[in-house]
């Protein structure tokens, strides 16, 4: 168990993805979406760090292939979360700010990142509940 349940990082990922999608205002709008997005990205980041740690703690309880895939997915999520945070707050994060953040000037990329968070989290939820 990480904090409360094992799937809290997926739930945080879905929430962060929905907030990213809402921030683009393409499909729906949420009031104060920038502030809520920064908060949800911060929480998602914390849960991602806990997920990486938990995968190493639970190394015997899962297939090595799923563990490696989970670690890769978490690292991609961390890079995207940190890049979005850098973009929204204008905080300079070496390499990410120079390499990834310029892509966020295109609203389609930001929307795609939101959908990536939601879809990847839903896939991990399906894997968790079907007990692959």
Protein backbone atom coordinates (compact mmCIF):
# COMPACT_ATOMS: atom_id res chain seq x y z
CA UNK A 1 0.00 0.00 0.00
CA UNK A 2 1.31 3.45 -0.84
CA UNK A 3 -0.76 5.84 1.27
CA UNK A 4 -4.37 4.70 1.25
CA UNK A 5 -4.84 2.42 -1.75
CA UNK A 6 -2.57 0.99 -4.45
CA UNK A 7 -4.38 2.76 -7.28
CA UNK A 8 -4.15 6.30 -5.95
CA UNK A 9 -1.54 7.28 -8.56
CA UNK A 10 -3.92 6.22 -11.34
CA UNK A 11 -6.73 8.24 -9.77
CA UNK A 12 -4.42 11.25 -9.47
CA UNK A 13 -3.39 10.72 -13.12
CA UNK A 14 -6.99 10.73 -14.27
CA UNK A 15 -7.68 13.89 -12.25
CA UNK A 16 -4.55 15.63 -13.61
CA UNK A 17 -5.44 14.57 -17.16
CA UNK A 18 -8.95 15.95 -16.82
CA UNK A 19 -7.53 19.21 -15.48
CA UNK A 20 -5.09 19.45 -18.42
CA UNK A 21 -7.96 18.84 -20.86
CA UNK A 22 -10.07 21.46 -19.07
CA UNK A 23 -7.19 23.93 -19.19
CA UNK A 24 -7.22 23.81 -23.00
CA UNK A 25 -10.96 24.67 -22.92
CA UNK A 26 -11.49 22.57 -26.06
CA UNK A 27 -14.16 20.23 -24.67
CA UNK A 28 -15.12 21.80 -21.34
CA UNK A 29 -14.04 24.53 -18.96
CA UNK A 30 -13.44 24.43 -15.22
CA UNK A 31 -13.23 27.72 -13.28
CA UNK A 32 -9.75 28.44 -11.86
CA UNK A 33 -8.39 25.66 -14.06
CA UNK A 34 -4.79 26.95 -14.01
CA UNK A 35 -4.58 26.97 -10.21
CA UNK A 36 -6.34 23.63 -9.92
CA UNK A 37 -4.09 22.21 -12.63
CA UNK A 38 -0.93 23.25 -10.78
CA UNK A 39 -2.27 21.66 -7.58
CA UNK A 40 -3.31 18.45 -9.35
CA UNK A 41 0.08 18.22 -11.10
CA UNK A 42 1.81 18.58 -7.73
CA UNK A 43 -0.27 15.79 -6.22
CA UNK A 44 0.22 13.59 -9.27
CA UNK A 45 3.98 14.14 -9.04
CA UNK A 46 4.02 13.04 -5.39
CA UNK A 47 2.00 9.93 -6.20
CA UNK A 48 4.30 9.12 -9.12
CA UNK A 49 7.33 9.24 -6.83
CA UNK A 50 5.52 6.97 -4.37
CA UNK A 51 4.64 4.62 -7.23
CA UNK A 52 8.26 4.32 -8.32
CA UNK A 53 9.33 3.59 -4.74
CA UNK A 54 6.46 1.13 -4.23
CA UNK A 55 7.37 -0.81 -7.39
CA UNK A 56 10.79 -1.53 -5.90
CA UNK A 57 9.31 -2.47 -2.52
CA UNK A 58 6.82 -4.85 -4.14
CA UNK A 59 9.40 -6.35 -6.51
CA UNK A 60 8.46 -9.96 -5.71
CA UNK A 61 4.73 -9.41 -6.02
CA UNK A 62 4.57 -8.65 -9.73
CA UNK A 63 5.95 -9.80 -13.05
CA UNK A 64 9.23 -8.12 -13.96
CA UNK A 65 7.85 -7.04 -17.35
CA UNK A 66 4.95 -5.19 -15.74
CA UNK A 67 7.34 -3.60 -13.24
CA UNK A 68 9.66 -2.32 -15.97
CA UNK A 69 6.71 -1.04 -18.00
CA UNK A 70 5.29 0.68 -14.91
CA UNK A 71 8.63 2.35 -14.19
CA UNK A 72 8.95 3.59 -17.79
CA UNK A 73 5.37 4.89 -17.70
CA UNK A 74 6.00 6.66 -14.39
CA UNK A 75 9.19 8.28 -15.68
CA UNK A 76 7.41 9.56 -18.79
CA UNK A 77 4.60 10.90 -16.58
CA UNK A 78 7.13 12.61 -14.29
CA UNK A 79 8.84 14.29 -17.26
CA UNK A 80 5.48 15.49 -18.62
CA UNK A 81 4.25 16.68 -15.21
CA UNK A 82 7.48 18.58 -14.53
CA UNK A 83 7.37 20.10 -18.02
CA UNK A 84 3.76 21.22 -17.61
CA UNK A 85 4.60 22.66 -14.19
CA UNK A 86 7.55 24.53 -15.72
CA UNK A 87 5.35 25.84 -18.52
CA UNK A 88 2.55 27.00 -16.23
CA UNK A 89 4.68 28.60 -13.52
CA UNK A 90 7.56 29.80 -15.74
CA UNK A 91 9.89 27.90 -13.38
CA UNK A 92 13.09 26.82 -15.12
CA UNK A 93 13.81 23.10 -14.95
CA UNK A 94 17.06 22.29 -16.78
CA UNK A 95 16.63 20.38 -20.04
CA UNK A 96 12.84 20.08 -19.73
CA UNK A 97 12.24 23.82 -20.03
CA UNK A 98 14.44 24.07 -23.11
CA UNK A 99 13.47 20.81 -24.82
CA UNK A 100 9.86 19.93 -23.92
CA UNK A 101 8.16 23.16 -22.84
CA UNK A 102 8.26 24.83 -26.31
CA UNK A 103 5.96 22.08 -27.59
CA UNK A 104 3.26 23.23 -25.16
CA UNK A 105 2.73 26.39 -27.20
CA UNK A 106 0.64 24.16 -29.47
CA UNK A 107 -2.74 23.56 -27.75
CA UNK A 108 -3.07 20.18 -29.49
CA UNK A 109 0.06 18.93 -27.72
CA UNK A 110 -1.29 20.04 -24.33
CA UNK A 111 -4.59 18.33 -25.10
CA UNK A 112 -2.71 15.18 -26.13
CA UNK A 113 -0.79 15.17 -22.85
CA UNK A 114 -4.08 15.39 -20.95
CA UNK A 115 -5.50 12.47 -22.89
CA UNK A 116 -2.25 10.55 -22.35
CA UNK A 117 -2.58 10.97 -18.58
CA UNK A 118 -6.19 9.81 -18.60
CA UNK A 119 -5.77 6.91 -21.02
CA UNK A 120 -2.57 5.55 -19.49
CA UNK A 121 -4.09 5.72 -16.01
CA UNK A 122 -7.24 3.93 -17.17
CA UNK A 123 -5.11 1.22 -18.81
CA UNK A 124 -3.20 0.70 -15.56
CA UNK A 125 -6.52 0.53 -13.67
CA UNK A 126 -7.75 -2.16 -16.08
CA UNK A 127 -4.51 -4.10 -15.62
CA UNK A 128 -4.79 -3.76 -11.84
CA UNK A 129 -8.40 -4.96 -11.64
CA UNK A 130 -8.03 -7.78 -14.17
CA UNK A 131 -4.95 -9.07 -12.32
CA UNK A 132 -2.75 -9.77 -15.36
